[in-house]
């Protein structure tokens, strides 16, 4: 029982980390696009 609980916890940790990385990437891309649009509009 402990073993499977541990595995479930590891999966949650992995998914959480992955989601954080995805969010960070999306944010970085959005900022780049925003900068480009501001340059184009200037």
PDB file of N, CA and C in Angstrom:
ATOM      1  N   UNK A   1       0.835  -1.199   0.000  1.00  0.00           N
ATOM      2  CA  UNK A   1       0.000   0.000   0.000  1.00  0.00           C
ATOM      3  C   UNK A   1       0.877   1.260   0.000  1.00  0.00           C
ATOM      4  N   UNK A   2       1.831   1.275   0.902  1.00  0.00           N
ATOM      5  CA  UNK A   2       2.744   2.417   0.959  1.00  0.00           C
ATOM      6  C   UNK A   2       3.429   2.640  -0.386  1.00  0.00           C
ATOM      7  N   UNK A   3       3.832   1.517  -0.993  1.00  0.00           N
ATOM      8  CA  UNK A   3       4.588   1.574  -2.240  1.00  0.00           C
ATOM      9  C   UNK A   3       3.785   2.273  -3.341  1.00  0.00           C
ATOM     10  N   UNK A   4       2.527   1.840  -3.519  1.00  0.00           N
ATOM     11  CA  UNK A   4       1.711   2.432  -4.579  1.00  0.00           C
ATOM     12  C   UNK A   4       1.381   3.892  -4.260  1.00  0.00           C
ATOM     13  N   UNK A   5       1.210   4.196  -2.982  1.00  0.00           N
ATOM     14  CA  UNK A   5       0.964   5.594  -2.612  1.00  0.00           C
ATOM     15  C   UNK A   5       2.172   6.448  -2.985  1.00  0.00           C
ATOM     16  N   UNK A   6       3.363   5.895  -2.709  1.00  0.00           N
ATOM     17  CA  UNK A   6       4.596   6.602  -3.057  1.00  0.00           C
ATOM     18  C   UNK A   6       4.678   6.859  -4.550  1.00  0.00           C
ATOM     19  N   UNK A   7       4.334   5.850  -5.354  1.00  0.00           N
ATOM     20  CA  UNK A   7       4.360   6.011  -6.805  1.00  0.00           C
ATOM     21  C   UNK A   7       3.370   7.069  -7.260  1.00  0.00           C
ATOM     22  N   UNK A   8       2.179   7.051  -6.682  1.00  0.00           N
ATOM     23  CA  UNK A   8       1.165   8.037  -7.047  1.00  0.00           C
ATOM     24  C   UNK A   8       1.689   9.434  -6.737  1.00  0.00           C
ATOM     25  N   UNK A   9       2.346   9.575  -5.602  1.00  0.00           N
ATOM     26  CA  UNK A   9       2.894  10.876  -5.207  1.00  0.00           C
ATOM     27  C   UNK A   9       3.954  11.337  -6.205  1.00  0.00           C
ATOM     28  N   UNK A  10       4.802  10.396  -6.623  1.00  0.00           N
ATOM     29  CA  UNK A  10       5.850  10.727  -7.596  1.00  0.00           C
ATOM     30  C   UNK A  10       5.214  11.190  -8.902  1.00  0.00           C
ATOM     31  N   UNK A  11       4.163  10.500  -9.338  1.00  0.00           N
ATOM     32  CA  UNK A  11       3.481  10.898 -10.577  1.00  0.00           C
ATOM     33  C   UNK A  11       2.929  12.313 -10.457  1.00  0.00           C
ATOM     34  N   UNK A  12       2.305  12.603  -9.316  1.00  0.00           N
ATOM     35  CA  UNK A  12       1.760  13.945  -9.102  1.00  0.00           C
ATOM     36  C   UNK A  12       2.879  14.979  -9.166  1.00  0.00           C
ATOM     37  N   UNK A  13       4.000  14.671  -8.510  1.00  0.00           N
ATOM     38  CA  UNK A  13       5.141  15.594  -8.518  1.00  0.00           C
ATOM     39  C   UNK A  13       5.618  15.832  -9.947  1.00  0.00           C
ATOM     40  N   UNK A  14       5.732  14.753 -10.729  1.00  0.00           N
ATOM     41  CA  UNK A  14       6.200  14.866 -12.112  1.00  0.00           C
ATOM     42  C   UNK A  14       5.253  15.743 -12.916  1.00  0.00           C
ATOM     43  N   UNK A  15       3.953  15.472 -12.788  1.00  0.00           N
ATOM     44  CA  UNK A  15       2.964  16.245 -13.535  1.00  0.00           C
ATOM     45  C   UNK A  15       3.001  17.708 -13.133  1.00  0.00           C
ATOM     46  N   UNK A  16       3.134  17.969 -11.842  1.00  0.00           N
ATOM     47  CA  UNK A  16       3.183  19.342 -11.352  1.00  0.00           C
ATOM     48  C   UNK A  16       4.384  20.070 -11.948  1.00  0.00           C
ATOM     49  N   UNK A  17       5.538  19.398 -11.921  1.00  0.00           N
ATOM     50  CA  UNK A  17       6.759  20.005 -12.450  1.00  0.00           C
ATOM     51  C   UNK A  17       6.596  20.285 -13.937  1.00  0.00           C
ATOM     52  N   UNK A  18       6.024  19.322 -14.651  1.00  0.00           N
ATOM     53  CA  UNK A  18       5.822  19.483 -16.085  1.00  0.00           C
ATOM     54  C   UNK A  18       4.903  20.671 -16.355  1.00  0.00           C
ATOM     55  N   UNK A  19       3.819  20.768 -15.595  1.00  0.00           N
ATOM     56  CA  UNK A  19       2.890  21.880 -15.778  1.00  0.00           C
ATOM     57  C   UNK A  19       3.568  23.214 -15.515  1.00  0.00           C
ATOM     58  N   UNK A  20       4.413  23.268 -14.492  1.00  0.00           N
ATOM     59  CA  UNK A  20       5.127  24.511 -14.180  1.00  0.00           C
ATOM     60  C   UNK A  20       6.042  24.884 -15.344  1.00  0.00           C
ATOM     61  N   UNK A  21       6.712  23.895 -15.926  1.00  0.00           N
ATOM     62  CA  UNK A  21       7.608  24.155 -17.052  1.00  0.00           C
ATOM     63  C   UNK A  21       6.817  24.648 -18.254  1.00  0.00           C
ATOM     64  N   UNK A  22       5.661  24.026 -18.500  1.00  0.00           N
ATOM     65  CA  UNK A  22       4.819  24.429 -19.629  1.00  0.00           C
ATOM     66  C   UNK A  22       4.351  25.865 -19.432  1.00  0.00           C
ATOM     67  N   UNK A  23       3.893  26.172 -18.216  1.00  0.00           N
ATOM     68  CA  UNK A  23       3.434  27.537 -17.922  1.00  0.00           C
ATOM     69  C   UNK A  23       4.549  28.542 -18.161  1.00  0.00           C
ATOM     70  N   UNK A  24       5.754  28.217 -17.707  1.00  0.00           N
ATOM     71  CA  UNK A  24       6.891  29.121 -17.856  1.00  0.00           C
ATOM     72  C   UNK A  24       7.202  29.337 -19.336  1.00  0.00           C
ATOM     73  N   UNK A  25       7.143  28.270 -20.122  1.00  0.00           N
ATOM     74  CA  UNK A  25       7.418  28.363 -21.556  1.00  0.00           C
ATOM     75  C   UNK A  25       6.371  29.219 -22.246  1.00  0.00           C
ATOM     76  N   UNK A  26       5.110  28.966 -21.940  1.00  0.00           N
ATOM     77  CA  UNK A  26       4.016  29.733 -22.546  1.00  0.00           C
ATOM     78  C   UNK A  26       4.176  31.211 -22.212  1.00  0.00           C
ATOM     79  N   UNK A  27       4.518  31.496 -20.970  1.00  0.00           N
ATOM     80  CA  UNK A  27       4.691  32.882 -20.534  1.00  0.00           C
ATOM     81  C   UNK A  27       5.828  33.544 -21.310  1.00  0.00           C
ATOM     82  N   UNK A  28       6.939  32.831 -21.463  1.00  0.00           N
ATOM     83  CA  UNK A  28       8.093  33.373 -22.171  1.00  0.00           C
ATOM     84  C   UNK A  28       7.747  33.657 -23.631  1.00  0.00           C
ATOM     85  N   UNK A  29       7.047  32.735 -24.261  1.00  0.00           N
ATOM     86  CA  UNK A  29       6.652  32.909 -25.662  1.00  0.00           C
ATOM     87  C   UNK A  29       5.708  34.099 -25.792  1.00  0.00           C
ATOM     88  N   UNK A  30       4.746  34.195 -24.875  1.00  0.00           N
ATOM     89  CA  UNK A  30       3.792  35.304 -24.913  1.00  0.00           C
ATOM     90  C   UNK A  30       4.512  36.640 -24.786  1.00  0.00           C
ATOM     91  N   UNK A  31       5.513  36.700 -23.915  1.00  0.00           N
ATOM     92  CA  UNK A  31       6.261  37.948 -23.737  1.00  0.00           C
ATOM     93  C   UNK A  31       7.039  38.298 -24.998  1.00  0.00           C
ATOM     94  N   UNK A  32       7.619  37.287 -25.650  1.00  0.00           N
ATOM     95  CA  UNK A  32       8.359  37.531 -26.894  1.00  0.00           C
ATOM     96  C   UNK A  32       7.421  38.089 -27.966  1.00  0.00           C
ATOM     97  N   UNK A  33       6.241  37.486 -28.090  1.00  0.00           N
ATOM     98  CA  UNK A  33       5.260  37.936 -29.084  1.00  0.00           C
ATOM     99  C   UNK A  33       4.858  39.379 -28.790  1.00  0.00           C
ATOM    100  N   UNK A  34       4.620  39.670 -27.526  1.00  0.00           N
ATOM    101  CA  UNK A  34       4.226  41.017 -27.117  1.00  0.00           C
ATOM    102  C   UNK A  34       5.316  42.024 -27.490  1.00  0.00           C
ATOM    103  N   UNK A  35       6.572  41.680 -27.204  1.00  0.00           N
ATOM    104  CA  UNK A  35       7.689  42.564 -27.539  1.00  0.00           C
ATOM    105  C   UNK A  35       7.744  42.815 -29.040  1.00  0.00           C
ATOM    106  N   UNK A  36       7.565  41.761 -29.819  1.00  0.00           N
ATOM    107  CA  UNK A  36       7.618  41.884 -31.278  1.00  0.00           C
ATOM    108  C   UNK A  36       6.500  42.793 -31.770  1.00  0.00           C
ATOM    109  N   UNK A  37       5.293  42.607 -31.234  1.00  0.00           N
ATOM    110  CA  UNK A  37       4.167  43.435 -31.650  1.00  0.00           C
ATOM    111  C   UNK A  37       4.412  44.898 -31.299  1.00  0.00           C
ATOM    112  N   UNK A  38       4.984  45.141 -30.125  1.00  0.00           N
ATOM    113  CA  UNK A  38       5.269  46.518 -29.724  1.00  0.00           C
ATOM    114  C   UNK A  38       6.292  47.142 -30.665  1.00  0.00           C
ATOM    115  N   UNK A  39       7.297  46.363 -31.075  1.00  0.00           N
ATOM    116  CA  UNK A  39       8.301  46.860 -32.022  1.00  0.00           C
ATOM    117  C   UNK A  39       7.647  47.158 -33.367  1.00  0.00           C
ATOM    118  N   UNK A  40       6.800  46.247 -33.839  1.00  0.00           N
ATOM    119  CA  UNK A  40       6.140  46.427 -35.134  1.00  0.00           C
ATOM    120  C   UNK A  40       5.234  47.652 -35.123  1.00  0.00           C
ATOM    121  N   UNK A  41       4.591  47.910 -33.995  1.00  0.00           N
ATOM    122  CA  UNK A  41       3.661  49.032 -33.896  1.00  0.00           C
ATOM    123  C   UNK A  41       4.374  50.358 -33.672  1.00  0.00           C
ATOM    124  N   UNK A  42       5.614  50.307 -33.224  1.00  0.00           N
ATOM    125  CA  UNK A  42       6.349  51.532 -32.899  1.00  0.00           C
ATOM    126  C   UNK A  42       6.705  52.323 -34.154  1.00  0.00           C
TER     127      UNK A  42
END
